Amino acid sequence: MSSSTVAETREITVAHSPDSDDAFMFYGLATNKVRVPGLRFTHTLCDIETLNQNARQGEGVYDVTAISFHAYPYIQDNYALLPSGGSVGDGYGPMIVANRTYSHSEIKRKRIAVPGTLTTAYLVLRLFAPGIETDVVPFDQIIPEVLEGKHEAGLIIHEGQLTYGKAGLHRILDLGKWWHTVTGLPLPLGGNAIRRSLGPELMESVSNALRESIQYALDHREEALAYAMQFARDLDTQLADKFVGMYVNERTLDYGADGREAVRRLLDMGYTAGIIPTAARVDFVG
């Protein structure tokens, strides 16, 4: 490659969590099945709460980063939301689990292990139970700590939503179902944000590339799933396929009008409840 070609190539730094659903949607870009002339995408894998915190640092660490929607009001001056790449629970989502059954009124009086205070799971938990006491625990340690009795209950995200029963825990509440009962809307959990300093033209190019990557994975499901399996913690192929189907689908290509409304409603409710200190200005690229 000549030096002039190198000079013309713009690196776009991308960060997402090391989960089978994120790996599936970024498969096309990560394996160069989807290419954009003049752009080179480099990928960093990191847990979602760390990405939320990184995005809050100045202008952010990465050009494109997966975030929890709860984190968006904190970074909205420097980041816009991409119109694709969202993880949306259509009547399902993060769950409160425990070693034994509790009523909803009982669970509100328990101290719950949560995967991070900027996760959307935490925001919805606080909407469900405003005064609830919580401890932050790495997301992949919540089920083990509940099993060991270190916490009476835990708020689980990612693959834990499919494996808690096998571990012997009881589901107390599916917050995605609760949210749908309250609002009639799907629950937007995470999305992809892009640095505004890239400028409108480059932001649009990157947005299109991500959408192409998601479409490529959906069109080549078997090979994309095989790639994603390396990130499928504790899931066999059948469960990984189910998990990917939950969070990479038509809504991942486009939130839809109700999906975008759900993002606004979620953040407005968080602000009104005093959980989020800043009113959200929800802004999608394009």
Protein backbone atom coordinates (compact mmCIF):
# COMPACT_ATOMS: atom_id res chain seq x y z
CA MET A 1 0.00 0.00 0.00
CA SER A 2 1.46 3.38 -0.97
CA SER A 3 1.91 6.21 1.51
CA SER A 4 -0.67 8.27 -0.36
CA THR A 5 -3.24 5.52 0.09
CA VAL A 6 -2.48 5.34 3.81
CA ALA A 7 -2.91 9.10 4.10
CA GLU A 8 -6.32 8.91 2.47
CA THR A 9 -7.62 6.24 4.85
CA ARG A 10 -9.47 7.52 7.92
CA GLU A 11 -9.51 5.32 10.99
CA ILE A 12 -12.86 5.03 12.77
CA THR A 13 -12.57 3.66 16.29
CA VAL A 14 -15.50 1.48 17.30
CA ALA A 15 -16.21 0.07 20.77
CA HIS A 16 -18.86 -2.42 21.79
CA SER A 17 -19.43 -5.03 24.45
CA PRO A 18 -18.04 -8.57 24.07
CA ASP A 19 -21.48 -10.15 23.69
CA SER A 20 -22.86 -12.42 21.01
CA ASP A 21 -25.50 -9.90 19.89
CA ASP A 22 -23.00 -7.03 19.47
CA ALA A 23 -20.50 -9.36 17.78
CA PHE A 24 -23.24 -10.50 15.41
CA MET A 25 -24.22 -6.98 14.34
CA PHE A 26 -20.61 -5.85 13.88
CA TYR A 27 -19.62 -9.05 12.06
CA GLY A 28 -19.66 -7.45 8.60
CA LEU A 29 -17.37 -4.59 9.63
CA ALA A 30 -15.10 -6.61 11.93
CA THR A 31 -14.35 -9.20 9.22
CA ASN A 32 -14.18 -6.70 6.33
CA LYS A 33 -17.21 -8.27 4.64
CA VAL A 34 -18.53 -4.71 4.60
CA ARG A 35 -16.05 -2.08 3.45
CA VAL A 36 -16.25 1.67 3.01
CA PRO A 37 -13.73 3.34 0.66
CA GLY A 38 -11.47 5.64 2.63
CA LEU A 39 -12.45 4.29 6.04
CA ARG A 40 -10.80 1.69 8.25
CA PHE A 41 -12.69 0.44 11.29
CA THR A 42 -10.81 -0.71 14.38
CA HIS A 43 -12.71 -2.49 17.14
CA THR A 44 -12.35 -2.46 20.92
CA LEU A 45 -14.37 -4.83 23.11
CA CYS A 46 -15.32 -3.65 26.59
CA ASP A 47 -18.17 -4.13 29.05
CA ILE A 48 -21.07 -1.71 28.63
CA GLU A 49 -20.76 0.13 31.94
CA THR A 50 -17.10 0.92 31.21
CA LEU A 51 -18.11 2.17 27.76
CA ASN A 52 -20.78 4.37 29.35
CA GLN A 53 -18.19 5.89 31.67
CA ASN A 54 -15.60 6.27 28.88
CA ALA A 55 -18.07 8.18 26.71
CA ARG A 56 -18.53 10.71 29.53
CA GLN A 57 -14.84 11.64 29.45
CA GLY A 58 -14.48 14.89 27.55
CA GLU A 59 -15.34 14.27 23.92
CA GLY A 60 -15.31 10.53 24.45
CA VAL A 61 -12.71 7.86 23.81
CA TYR A 62 -14.16 6.30 20.64
CA ASP A 63 -15.68 7.60 17.41
CA VAL A 64 -18.52 5.08 17.67
CA THR A 65 -19.45 3.48 20.96
CA ALA A 66 -22.14 1.20 22.24
CA ILE A 67 -23.91 2.84 25.18
CA SER A 68 -26.82 2.24 27.48
CA PHE A 69 -29.60 4.69 26.65
CA HIS A 70 -29.51 5.79 30.27
CA ALA A 71 -26.03 7.21 29.58
CA TYR A 72 -27.10 9.31 26.59
CA PRO A 73 -28.13 12.53 28.39
CA TYR A 74 -24.66 12.65 29.96
CA ILE A 75 -22.88 12.52 26.58
CA GLN A 76 -25.40 14.19 24.24
CA ASP A 77 -23.32 17.33 23.74
CA ASN A 78 -20.55 15.28 22.11
CA TYR A 79 -22.46 12.31 20.66
CA ALA A 80 -25.52 11.71 18.49
CA LEU A 81 -27.41 8.43 18.26
CA LEU A 82 -27.06 6.22 15.21
CA PRO A 83 -30.41 5.16 13.71
CA SER A 84 -29.42 1.48 13.71
CA GLY A 85 -27.63 -0.89 16.05
CA GLY A 86 -30.09 -0.68 18.92
CA SER A 87 -30.89 -3.47 21.34
CA VAL A 88 -34.62 -3.22 22.01
CA GLY A 89 -36.68 -5.55 24.17
CA ASP A 90 -40.13 -6.10 22.72
CA GLY A 91 -41.94 -7.14 25.88
CA TYR A 92 -38.79 -8.52 27.51
CA GLY A 93 -35.62 -7.16 29.03
CA PRO A 94 -33.44 -7.13 32.15
CA MET A 95 -34.74 -9.23 35.02
CA ILE A 96 -34.70 -9.23 38.78
CA VAL A 97 -33.79 -12.73 39.96
CA ALA A 98 -33.40 -14.27 43.40
CA ASN A 99 -32.77 -17.53 45.24
CA ARG A 100 -36.42 -17.67 46.26
CA THR A 101 -39.69 -16.09 45.20
CA TYR A 102 -40.64 -12.60 46.37
CA SER A 103 -43.66 -10.44 45.69
CA HIS A 104 -43.08 -7.15 43.89
CA SER A 105 -43.64 -5.22 47.11
CA GLU A 106 -41.15 -7.47 48.94
CA ILE A 107 -38.43 -7.13 46.32
CA LYS A 108 -38.60 -3.34 46.53
CA ARG A 109 -37.35 -3.63 50.12
CA LYS A 110 -34.35 -5.78 49.21
CA ARG A 111 -30.81 -4.63 48.39
CA ILE A 112 -30.17 -5.60 44.78
CA ALA A 113 -26.94 -6.24 42.89
CA VAL A 114 -26.94 -4.14 39.71
CA PRO A 115 -24.56 -4.11 36.71
CA GLY A 116 -23.84 -0.36 36.82
CA THR A 117 -25.60 2.90 37.60
CA LEU A 118 -25.52 4.13 33.98
CA THR A 119 -27.11 0.98 32.56
CA THR A 120 -30.66 1.21 31.26
CA ALA A 121 -31.48 -1.77 33.48
CA TYR A 122 -30.64 0.35 36.53
CA LEU A 123 -32.74 3.27 35.26
CA VAL A 124 -35.81 1.08 34.72
CA LEU A 125 -35.28 -0.58 38.11
CA ARG A 126 -35.33 2.87 39.73
CA LEU A 127 -38.50 3.77 37.83
CA PHE A 128 -40.09 0.54 39.12
CA ALA A 129 -38.82 0.98 42.69
CA PRO A 130 -37.67 4.59 43.29
CA GLY A 131 -36.19 4.06 46.76
CA ILE A 132 -34.54 0.70 46.18
CA GLU A 133 -31.06 0.06 47.59
CA THR A 134 -28.42 -1.29 45.22
CA ASP A 135 -24.82 -2.46 45.05
CA VAL A 136 -22.81 -2.32 41.80
CA VAL A 137 -21.45 -5.74 40.83
CA PRO A 138 -19.82 -6.71 37.49
CA PHE A 139 -22.65 -8.02 35.31
CA ASP A 140 -21.14 -11.49 34.94
CA GLN A 141 -20.74 -11.87 38.72
CA ILE A 142 -24.34 -11.07 39.67
CA ILE A 143 -25.75 -14.59 39.21
CA PRO A 144 -22.82 -16.22 41.10
CA GLU A 145 -23.12 -13.72 43.96
CA VAL A 146 -26.87 -14.29 44.31
CA LEU A 147 -26.27 -18.05 44.27
CA GLU A 148 -23.63 -17.65 46.99
CA GLY A 149 -26.02 -15.59 49.13
CA LYS A 150 -23.93 -12.41 48.92
CA HIS A 151 -27.03 -10.64 47.63
CA GLU A 152 -30.68 -11.55 48.06
CA ALA A 153 -31.46 -10.53 44.50
CA GLY A 154 -29.76 -9.37 41.35
CA LEU A 155 -30.56 -7.38 38.22
CA ILE A 156 -29.36 -9.39 35.23
CA ILE A 157 -28.60 -8.32 31.66
CA HIS A 158 -27.08 -9.98 28.58
CA GLU A 159 -27.11 -13.78 28.38
CA GLY A 160 -28.12 -14.13 32.01
CA GLN A 161 -31.67 -13.50 30.83
CA LEU A 162 -31.57 -17.00 29.30
CA THR A 163 -29.40 -18.84 31.83
CA TYR A 164 -30.72 -17.80 35.26
CA GLY A 165 -33.19 -20.70 35.37
CA LYS A 166 -30.51 -23.27 34.63
CA ALA A 167 -28.53 -21.76 37.50
CA GLY A 168 -31.49 -22.39 39.82
CA LEU A 169 -32.67 -18.81 40.32
CA HIS A 170 -36.24 -17.49 40.31
CA ARG A 171 -37.39 -14.64 38.08
CA ILE A 172 -39.10 -12.03 40.22
CA LEU A 173 -39.80 -9.47 37.50
CA ASP A 174 -39.02 -8.95 33.83
CA LEU A 175 -38.54 -5.18 33.59
CA GLY A 176 -39.20 -5.27 29.85
CA LYS A 177 -42.69 -6.67 30.51
CA TRP A 178 -43.24 -4.16 33.32
CA TRP A 179 -42.20 -1.29 31.05
CA HIS A 180 -44.55 -2.47 28.28
CA THR A 181 -47.43 -2.69 30.76
CA VAL A 182 -46.77 0.87 31.93
CA THR A 183 -46.07 2.52 28.56
CA GLY A 184 -47.25 0.16 25.80
CA LEU A 185 -43.82 0.60 24.21
CA PRO A 186 -40.77 -1.63 23.62
CA LEU A 187 -37.85 -1.14 26.01
CA PRO A 188 -34.80 0.46 24.35
CA LEU A 189 -31.79 -0.84 26.25
CA GLY A 190 -28.67 0.08 24.33
CA GLY A 191 -27.68 1.79 21.14
CA ASN A 192 -24.69 3.12 19.24
CA ALA A 193 -23.55 6.71 19.54
CA ILE A 194 -21.22 8.62 17.22
CA ARG A 195 -19.00 11.61 17.92
CA ARG A 196 -20.44 14.84 16.53
CA SER A 197 -16.95 16.18 15.81
CA LEU A 198 -16.70 13.78 12.86
CA GLY A 199 -19.03 16.10 10.97
CA PRO A 200 -22.34 15.38 9.20
CA GLU A 201 -20.92 13.73 6.08
CA LEU A 202 -18.64 11.29 7.88
CA MET A 203 -21.31 10.56 10.51
CA GLU A 204 -23.70 9.62 7.72
CA SER A 205 -21.10 7.37 6.02
CA VAL A 206 -20.39 5.52 9.27
CA SER A 207 -24.10 5.23 9.98
CA ASN A 208 -24.68 3.61 6.59
CA ALA A 209 -21.75 1.24 7.15
CA LEU A 210 -23.15 0.00 10.45
CA ARG A 211 -26.55 -0.58 8.92
CA GLU A 212 -24.92 -2.54 6.09
CA SER A 213 -23.03 -4.63 8.66
CA ILE A 214 -26.25 -5.51 10.48
CA GLN A 215 -28.01 -6.35 7.22
CA TYR A 216 -25.08 -8.50 6.13
CA ALA A 217 -25.25 -10.49 9.37
CA LEU A 218 -29.00 -10.98 9.06
CA ASP A 219 -28.57 -12.10 5.43
CA HIS A 220 -25.70 -14.46 6.35
CA ARG A 221 -27.03 -15.58 9.70
CA GLU A 222 -25.23 -18.92 9.95
CA GLU A 223 -21.73 -17.56 9.38
CA ALA A 224 -22.37 -14.46 11.49
CA LEU A 225 -23.67 -16.63 14.33
CA ALA A 226 -20.61 -18.89 14.08
CA TYR A 227 -18.44 -15.77 14.51
CA ALA A 228 -20.58 -14.52 17.41
CA MET A 229 -20.34 -17.85 19.24
CA GLN A 230 -16.85 -16.96 20.47
CA PHE A 231 -18.52 -14.27 22.60
CA ALA A 232 -21.53 -16.35 23.71
CA ARG A 233 -20.83 -16.82 27.41
CA ASP A 234 -22.41 -20.04 28.73
CA LEU A 235 -24.68 -20.38 25.69
CA ASP A 236 -24.88 -23.27 23.27
CA THR A 237 -25.57 -22.53 19.61
CA GLN A 238 -29.33 -22.84 20.01
CA LEU A 239 -29.49 -20.43 22.96
CA ALA A 240 -27.03 -18.04 21.30
CA ASP A 241 -29.25 -18.00 18.21
CA LYS A 242 -32.24 -17.20 20.43
CA PHE A 243 -30.37 -14.44 22.25
CA VAL A 244 -29.15 -12.88 19.01
CA GLY A 245 -32.69 -13.03 17.64
CA MET A 246 -33.95 -11.16 20.72
CA TYR A 247 -31.62 -8.22 20.20
CA VAL A 248 -30.59 -8.21 16.53
CA ASN A 249 -33.64 -8.00 14.28
CA GLU A 250 -35.63 -5.53 12.20
CA ARG A 251 -35.61 -3.06 15.10
CA THR A 252 -31.82 -3.19 15.05
CA LEU A 253 -31.87 -2.00 11.44
CA ASP A 254 -34.31 0.78 12.35
CA TYR A 255 -35.89 1.57 15.71
CA GLY A 256 -39.21 2.46 14.11
CA ALA A 257 -41.42 5.34 15.24
CA ASP A 258 -42.44 3.59 18.46
CA GLY A 259 -38.83 2.62 19.20
CA ARG A 260 -37.67 6.22 18.90
CA GLU A 261 -40.62 7.38 20.98
CA ALA A 262 -39.65 4.79 23.59
CA VAL A 263 -36.13 6.27 23.84
CA ARG A 264 -37.59 9.73 24.44
CA ARG A 265 -40.19 8.44 26.92
CA LEU A 266 -37.62 6.47 28.90
CA LEU A 267 -35.26 9.43 29.28
CA ASP A 268 -38.07 11.89 29.97
CA MET A 269 -39.41 9.63 32.72
CA GLY A 270 -35.91 9.30 34.19
CA TYR A 271 -35.51 13.09 34.21
CA THR A 272 -38.95 13.71 35.68
CA ALA A 273 -38.27 11.16 38.42
CA GLY A 274 -35.01 12.91 39.32
CA ILE A 275 -32.85 9.92 38.34
CA ILE A 276 -31.27 11.74 35.38
CA PRO A 277 -30.10 15.31 36.19
CA THR A 278 -30.21 16.60 32.60
CA ALA A 279 -33.15 16.67 30.19
CA ALA A 280 -32.40 14.56 27.11
CA ARG A 281 -32.27 16.00 23.60
CA VAL A 282 -32.65 12.80 21.61
CA ASP A 283 -30.91 13.28 18.27
CA PHE A 284 -30.55 10.56 15.64
CA VAL A 285 -28.15 10.86 12.70
CA GLY A 286 -30.02 11.40 9.45
